[in-house]
Protein backbone atom coordinates (compact mmCIF):
# COMPACT_ATOMS: atom_id res chain seq x y z
CA MET A 1 73.19 91.70 90.02
CA LYS A 2 74.77 88.92 87.94
CA GLY A 3 75.54 89.22 84.25
CA ALA A 4 76.13 92.27 82.06
CA THR A 5 73.85 95.26 81.69
CA ILE A 6 74.25 98.22 79.34
CA VAL A 7 72.69 101.31 80.89
CA LEU A 8 71.79 104.31 78.71
CA GLY A 9 70.90 107.62 80.29
CA GLU A 10 72.27 111.05 81.19
CA ILE A 11 74.84 112.37 83.64
CA ALA A 12 74.85 116.10 84.37
CA GLY A 13 72.73 116.65 81.26
CA ARG A 14 75.10 114.69 79.03
CA GLU A 15 74.36 111.46 77.17
CA ALA A 16 76.01 108.52 78.95
CA ALA A 17 76.42 104.78 78.51
CA ALA A 18 77.57 102.55 81.36
CA LEU A 19 78.50 98.88 81.25
CA MET A 20 77.77 97.00 84.48
CA LYS A 21 79.21 93.52 84.98
CA ASP A 22 78.04 91.53 87.99
CA GLY A 23 76.96 94.74 89.69
CA LYS A 24 80.30 96.52 89.12
CA LEU A 25 80.94 99.45 86.77
CA ASP A 26 83.18 98.03 84.02
CA ASP A 27 83.19 100.81 81.41
CA LEU A 28 81.74 104.25 80.86
CA PHE A 29 81.24 106.62 77.92
CA VAL A 30 80.00 110.18 78.48
CA ALA A 31 79.34 112.79 75.79
CA HIS A 32 81.51 115.89 75.79
CA ASP A 33 82.26 118.99 73.75
CA GLY A 34 84.88 118.96 71.02
CA PRO A 35 86.15 116.48 68.41
CA VAL A 36 85.49 112.80 69.13
CA PRO A 37 87.95 109.99 68.27
CA GLY A 38 86.93 108.50 64.94
CA ALA A 39 85.66 111.79 63.49
CA ILE A 40 86.87 112.43 59.94
CA TYR A 41 87.64 115.93 58.66
CA ARG A 42 88.59 117.50 55.40
CA ALA A 43 91.28 119.77 56.84
CA VAL A 44 93.46 122.57 55.47
CA ALA A 45 97.18 122.43 56.18
CA GLY A 46 98.97 125.33 57.84
CA ARG A 47 102.71 125.80 58.10
CA PRO A 48 104.95 122.93 59.32
CA MET A 49 106.22 123.19 62.90
CA LYS A 50 109.97 123.13 62.42
CA GLY A 51 111.78 120.90 64.85
CA GLN A 52 108.59 119.17 65.99
CA GLY A 53 107.98 116.88 63.01
CA GLY A 54 104.35 117.88 62.67
CA ILE A 55 101.90 120.35 61.20
CA PHE A 56 98.74 122.10 62.37
CA LEU A 57 95.62 121.84 60.21
CA GLU A 58 92.43 123.86 60.35
CA THR A 59 89.02 122.20 60.80
CA PRO A 60 85.54 123.65 61.51
CA ASP A 61 86.10 122.62 65.15
CA GLY A 62 89.49 124.26 65.56
CA PRO A 63 93.11 123.28 64.92
CA VAL A 64 94.30 119.68 64.90
CA TYR A 65 97.83 118.32 64.87
CA LEU A 66 99.31 115.82 62.40
CA ARG A 67 102.73 114.38 63.15
CA GLN A 68 103.63 113.33 59.62
CA ILE A 69 104.39 116.33 57.39
CA LYS A 70 106.37 114.94 54.45
CA GLY A 71 104.93 116.08 51.16
CA ILE A 72 102.27 118.35 52.68
CA SER A 73 102.17 121.99 51.54
CA PRO A 74 100.51 124.91 53.35
CA GLY A 75 96.95 125.40 52.09
CA GLU A 76 96.65 121.79 50.92
CA THR A 77 93.40 119.99 51.65
CA LEU A 78 93.57 116.45 53.06
CA LEU A 79 91.48 113.91 54.93
CA VAL A 80 92.37 113.22 58.57
CA GLN A 81 90.82 111.26 61.42
CA VAL A 82 90.86 112.06 65.13
CA THR A 83 92.88 109.37 66.93
CA SER A 84 92.49 110.37 70.58
CA HIS A 85 91.62 113.19 72.93
CA ALA A 86 94.02 116.06 73.28
CA GLU A 87 96.17 116.59 76.31
CA PRO A 88 95.22 119.74 78.24
CA GLY A 89 96.33 122.83 76.34
CA LYS A 90 97.28 120.91 73.20
CA ALA A 91 95.71 120.41 69.79
CA VAL A 92 93.66 117.31 68.95
CA PRO A 93 95.90 114.60 67.40
CA VAL A 94 94.89 113.22 63.99
CA THR A 95 96.16 110.72 61.43
CA HIS A 96 95.91 110.54 57.64
CA LYS A 97 95.45 106.75 57.83
CA ILE A 98 91.66 106.59 57.86
CA LEU A 99 89.72 103.64 59.32
CA PHE A 100 85.99 103.01 59.03
CA LYS A 101 85.11 101.03 62.11
CA SER A 102 81.79 99.43 63.04
CA ARG A 103 80.58 96.64 65.32
CA TYR A 104 81.62 93.78 63.04
CA ALA A 105 83.89 95.27 60.38
CA ILE A 106 86.76 97.70 59.88
CA VAL A 107 87.39 98.96 56.34
CA THR A 108 91.04 99.98 55.79
CA PRO A 109 91.47 102.08 52.62
CA GLU A 110 95.27 102.18 52.87
CA ALA A 111 95.81 98.55 53.91
CA PRO A 112 94.47 96.08 51.31
CA GLY A 113 93.70 92.48 52.21
CA LEU A 114 90.89 90.60 53.90
CA ASN A 115 91.49 89.46 57.47
CA VAL A 116 89.62 87.87 60.37
CA SER A 117 90.36 88.62 64.03
CA ARG A 118 92.87 86.23 65.57
CA GLN A 119 90.52 85.82 68.52
CA ILE A 120 88.25 83.75 66.28
CA LYS A 121 89.84 80.30 66.42
CA ASP A 122 87.23 78.11 64.69
CA ASP A 123 88.54 77.32 61.17
CA ASP A 124 85.08 76.72 59.71
CA LEU A 125 83.85 80.06 61.03
CA ARG A 126 86.93 81.84 59.71
CA ASP A 127 86.38 80.32 56.27
CA ALA A 128 82.71 81.33 56.30
CA LEU A 129 83.58 84.90 57.31
CA LEU A 130 86.25 85.18 54.62
CA GLU A 131 83.72 83.99 52.06
CA ILE A 132 81.36 86.79 53.11
CA ALA A 133 84.24 89.26 53.01
CA HIS A 134 85.30 88.27 49.49
CA GLU A 135 81.72 88.57 48.24
CA LEU A 136 81.04 91.98 49.80
CA MET A 137 84.45 93.52 49.01
CA GLU A 138 84.70 92.23 45.43
CA GLY A 139 86.08 94.90 43.11
CA SER A 140 87.32 97.09 45.97
CA GLU A 141 90.96 98.04 46.53
CA TYR A 142 90.27 98.59 50.22
CA GLY A 143 91.12 96.16 52.97
CA LEU A 144 88.75 94.66 55.54
CA ILE A 145 89.13 93.32 59.07
CA LEU A 146 86.31 91.25 60.54
CA ARG A 147 86.24 91.77 64.31
CA SER A 148 85.94 89.17 67.06
CA SER A 149 82.32 90.28 67.57
CA CYS A 150 81.46 88.34 64.39
CA ASP A 151 81.66 85.15 66.45
CA GLY A 152 78.04 84.17 67.07
CA ALA A 153 76.58 87.00 64.97
CA ASP A 154 74.07 86.50 62.18
CA GLU A 155 75.73 86.28 58.73
CA ALA A 156 73.19 88.63 57.16
CA THR A 157 73.87 91.23 59.85
CA ILE A 158 77.62 90.95 59.30
CA ALA A 159 77.15 91.30 55.54
CA GLU A 160 74.98 94.39 56.00
CA ASP A 161 77.59 95.95 58.29
CA ILE A 162 80.37 95.33 55.76
CA ALA A 163 78.31 96.82 52.94
CA GLU A 164 77.52 99.95 54.96
CA MET A 165 81.17 100.49 55.92
CA ARG A 166 82.35 99.95 52.33
CA THR A 167 79.80 102.46 51.00
CA LEU A 168 80.80 105.03 53.64
CA ALA A 169 84.51 104.51 52.96
CA GLU A 170 84.14 104.88 49.20
CA SER A 171 82.04 108.01 49.60
CA VAL A 172 84.43 109.74 52.01
CA MET A 173 87.67 108.73 50.30
CA ALA A 174 86.34 109.97 46.93
CA ASP A 175 85.79 113.46 48.35
CA LYS A 176 87.71 116.01 46.26
CA SER A 177 86.16 119.18 47.63
CA ARG A 178 88.19 121.96 49.18
CA GLY A 179 87.86 123.80 52.43
CA ALA A 180 87.58 122.55 56.00
CA GLU A 181 84.56 120.35 56.77
CA LEU A 182 83.45 117.61 59.15
CA LEU A 183 82.71 114.58 56.96
CA VAL A 184 82.01 111.87 59.56
CA GLU A 185 81.06 112.49 63.17
CA GLY A 186 82.67 110.39 65.86
CA ASP A 187 80.40 108.01 67.76
CA GLY A 188 78.45 109.31 70.73
CA PRO A 189 78.19 107.20 73.91
CA GLU A 190 75.24 105.05 72.77
CA ALA A 191 76.70 104.40 69.30
CA ARG A 192 80.11 103.64 70.78
CA ALA A 193 78.58 101.26 73.31
CA TRP A 194 76.86 99.38 70.46
CA ARG A 195 80.14 99.21 68.56
CA GLU A 196 82.48 98.25 71.40
CA TRP A 197 80.45 96.37 74.03
CA THR A 198 79.75 93.07 72.31
CA VAL A 199 79.25 90.91 75.39
CA PRO A 200 75.75 89.43 75.81
CA ALA A 201 73.93 92.00 77.91
CA SER A 202 70.52 93.32 78.81
CA VAL A 203 69.82 96.97 78.05
CA GLU A 204 68.26 99.50 80.41
CA ARG A 205 67.47 103.04 79.33
CA GLY A 206 65.61 106.06 80.62
CA PRO A 207 65.89 108.86 83.19
CA GLU A 208 66.02 106.47 86.15
CA ALA A 209 68.08 103.66 84.58
CA LEU A 210 71.48 104.74 85.92
CA GLU A 211 70.19 105.02 89.47
CA ALA A 212 68.08 101.84 89.35
CA THR A 213 71.00 99.70 88.19
CA GLY A 214 73.52 101.08 90.66
CA ALA A 215 75.56 102.70 87.88
CA LEU A 216 74.99 106.23 89.17
CA GLU A 217 76.25 105.34 92.65
CA ALA A 218 79.33 103.69 91.13
CA ILE A 219 80.02 106.78 88.99
CA GLU A 220 79.63 109.14 91.94
CA ALA A 221 82.13 107.02 93.89
CA LEU A 222 84.74 107.89 91.24
CA SER A 223 84.92 111.41 92.66
CA SER A 224 87.25 109.90 95.27
CA PRO A 225 90.75 108.85 94.16
CA ILE A 226 90.82 106.06 96.76
CA VAL A 227 90.08 102.51 95.58
CA PRO A 228 89.73 99.84 98.32
CA LEU A 229 91.58 96.61 97.55
CA GLY A 230 90.48 94.50 100.50
CA GLY A 231 92.25 93.63 103.75
CA GLY A 232 92.83 97.30 104.55
CA ALA A 233 94.87 97.87 101.36
CA SER A 234 94.03 100.57 98.82
CA MET A 235 95.31 102.49 95.84
CA ALA A 236 94.98 106.17 95.03
CA VAL A 237 94.46 107.10 91.37
CA GLU A 238 95.10 110.82 90.88
CA GLU A 239 95.46 112.88 87.70
CA THR A 240 98.05 115.66 87.52
CA ARG A 241 98.84 117.96 84.61
CA ALA A 242 101.79 115.79 83.52
CA LEU A 243 100.70 112.26 84.38
CA VAL A 244 98.37 109.93 86.27
CA ALA A 245 99.85 108.86 89.60
CA VAL A 246 98.85 105.54 91.16
CA ASP A 247 99.93 104.91 94.75
CA VAL A 248 99.45 101.44 96.27
CA ASN A 249 99.22 101.14 100.08
CA THR A 250 98.93 98.10 102.34
CA GLY A 251 97.27 99.77 105.29
CA GLY A 252 98.38 98.54 108.68
CA ASP A 253 100.22 95.44 107.42
CA THR A 254 103.68 96.47 106.21
CA SER A 255 105.03 92.98 105.53
CA PRO A 256 106.53 92.12 102.11
CA ALA A 257 103.79 89.52 101.58
CA ALA A 258 101.09 92.17 102.15
CA GLY A 259 102.90 94.51 99.76
CA LEU A 260 103.00 91.90 97.02
CA LYS A 261 99.35 90.98 97.53
CA ALA A 262 98.21 94.62 97.45
CA THR A 263 100.26 95.41 94.35
CA ILE A 264 98.85 92.41 92.46
CA ALA A 265 95.28 93.37 93.44
CA ALA A 266 95.90 96.96 92.32
CA LEU A 267 97.35 96.00 88.94
CA ARG A 268 94.47 93.63 88.20
CA ASP A 269 91.91 96.38 88.82
CA LEU A 270 93.91 99.28 87.38
CA PRO A 271 92.79 99.00 83.71
CA ARG A 272 89.14 99.15 84.79
CA GLN A 273 89.80 102.12 87.05
CA LEU A 274 91.53 104.00 84.23
CA ARG A 275 88.67 103.16 81.81
CA VAL A 276 85.82 104.35 83.99
CA ARG A 277 87.74 107.47 85.04
CA GLY A 278 88.65 108.23 81.42
CA LEU A 279 92.36 108.49 82.17
CA GLY A 280 95.23 108.09 79.72
CA GLY A 281 98.65 109.44 78.82
CA VAL A 282 101.60 108.72 81.11
CA ILE A 283 100.73 106.45 84.05
CA VAL A 284 103.22 106.10 86.92
CA ILE A 285 102.55 103.39 89.52
CA ASP A 286 104.22 103.45 92.93
CA PRO A 287 103.72 99.84 94.10
CA ALA A 288 103.62 98.76 97.73
CA PRO A 289 106.98 97.42 99.00
CA PHE A 290 107.68 93.85 97.87
CA PRO A 291 110.81 91.73 97.29
CA LYS A 292 112.62 92.72 94.10
CA LYS A 293 112.75 89.06 93.05
CA GLU A 294 108.97 89.21 92.56
CA ARG A 295 109.18 91.75 89.74
CA ARG A 296 108.71 89.07 87.11
CA GLN A 297 105.45 87.96 88.72
CA ILE A 298 104.30 91.58 88.94
CA GLU A 299 105.02 92.08 85.23
CA GLN A 300 103.08 88.92 84.32
CA VAL A 301 100.04 90.10 86.29
CA LEU A 302 100.22 93.56 84.72
CA ARG A 303 100.63 92.30 81.15
CA ALA A 304 97.69 89.92 81.56
CA ALA A 305 95.50 92.75 82.86
CA LEU A 306 96.49 95.01 79.95
CA ARG A 307 95.84 92.30 77.35
CA ALA A 308 92.25 92.05 78.58
CA ASP A 309 91.80 95.83 78.41
CA PRO A 310 90.31 97.27 75.18
CA VAL A 311 92.30 100.51 75.54
CA GLU A 312 95.79 100.38 74.02
CA THR A 313 98.34 100.58 76.84
CA ASN A 314 102.09 99.96 76.67
CA PHE A 315 104.23 98.74 79.57
CA VAL A 316 107.27 101.05 79.39
CA GLY A 317 109.28 99.58 82.24
CA TRP A 318 110.60 100.20 85.73
CA THR A 319 112.12 103.47 86.87
CA PRO A 320 115.37 103.51 88.91
CA MET A 321 113.23 104.14 92.01
CA GLY A 322 111.12 101.04 91.41
CA ASN A 323 108.03 102.71 89.95
CA ILE A 324 106.18 101.27 86.95
CA GLU A 325 105.60 103.40 83.85
CA LEU A 326 102.79 102.92 81.32
CA GLN A 327 101.78 104.86 78.21
CA ARG A 328 98.02 104.74 77.61
CA LYS A 329 95.96 105.97 74.67
CA ARG A 330 93.62 108.87 75.46
CA ASP A 331 90.57 107.29 73.83
CA ARG A 332 88.12 109.09 76.15
CA ILE A 333 88.11 112.30 78.11
CA ALA A 334 88.70 112.41 81.86
CA LEU A 335 85.48 112.09 83.84
CA THR A 336 86.58 114.91 86.15
CA GLU A 337 86.83 117.24 83.14
CA ILE A 338 83.33 116.34 81.97
CA LEU A 339 81.61 116.61 85.34
CA ARG A 340 83.52 119.50 86.91
């Protein structure tokens, strides 16, 4: 099946949204229990954690952890936003730098200024978008970022989106109440798909949509850690308590050329594999054997793959044993944890 299709349905009784591109599963959001990234709480500060540079805060959904503690007193009420999913056994991480993010606009209360995504290159379009931004944000001290999804969107729709985000931001940031409370829920799978998947796509929904589009079969295949790479090569993507291990194998061909080819194929597909499996944190890649002189090429392939990935991932470097280390944001929960 050519083109992109957004499939809305349920997996194991949970709301799910799958993005299929040319018949291949490209992204996946599944509902889960607990705080969702983007949720905004009015939280109550506990005691600082000495030596850790952070503080626990109480919310209606349990404790959350804020790294910055300067100027915060126990019992103080403050607004925080969930940044990512918690590591197993740890509290949910939050920030006090609140963002109000929608499909076309991001309102930034603590970062004034009006900006347009760098991915929009057309000067006339940038000028038109800035004109809309100035009109809709007039009189506000908040900042605004217009996202790349504005390219090709209707101006009235963009303006409506900006107005809604500004109203929400002003309402939440003006909150002076006390006590722990959930003020803004994080997006569920369908809402997040609308916000993040801006490629032109058809939409399929209903009880049979996942199966009919091949999405269900692709999701079930993720129960295996093995990912075929062609020519007998493969990689294994396995989550441990401390990290995600990625092992690249060439199969029967042990030549340096086969090792280089398999490693390049693995790195190109790795961001997608991590997305659909919901994996983040520390990623350690054991590449197939290849000449050390090819490291620069390997890094170029990896950096290009990460630039095209919507999930923030940092290339940390090479270990003394020749493994590759990445640090990836936990912006979704592991699929194995949801479907276990």
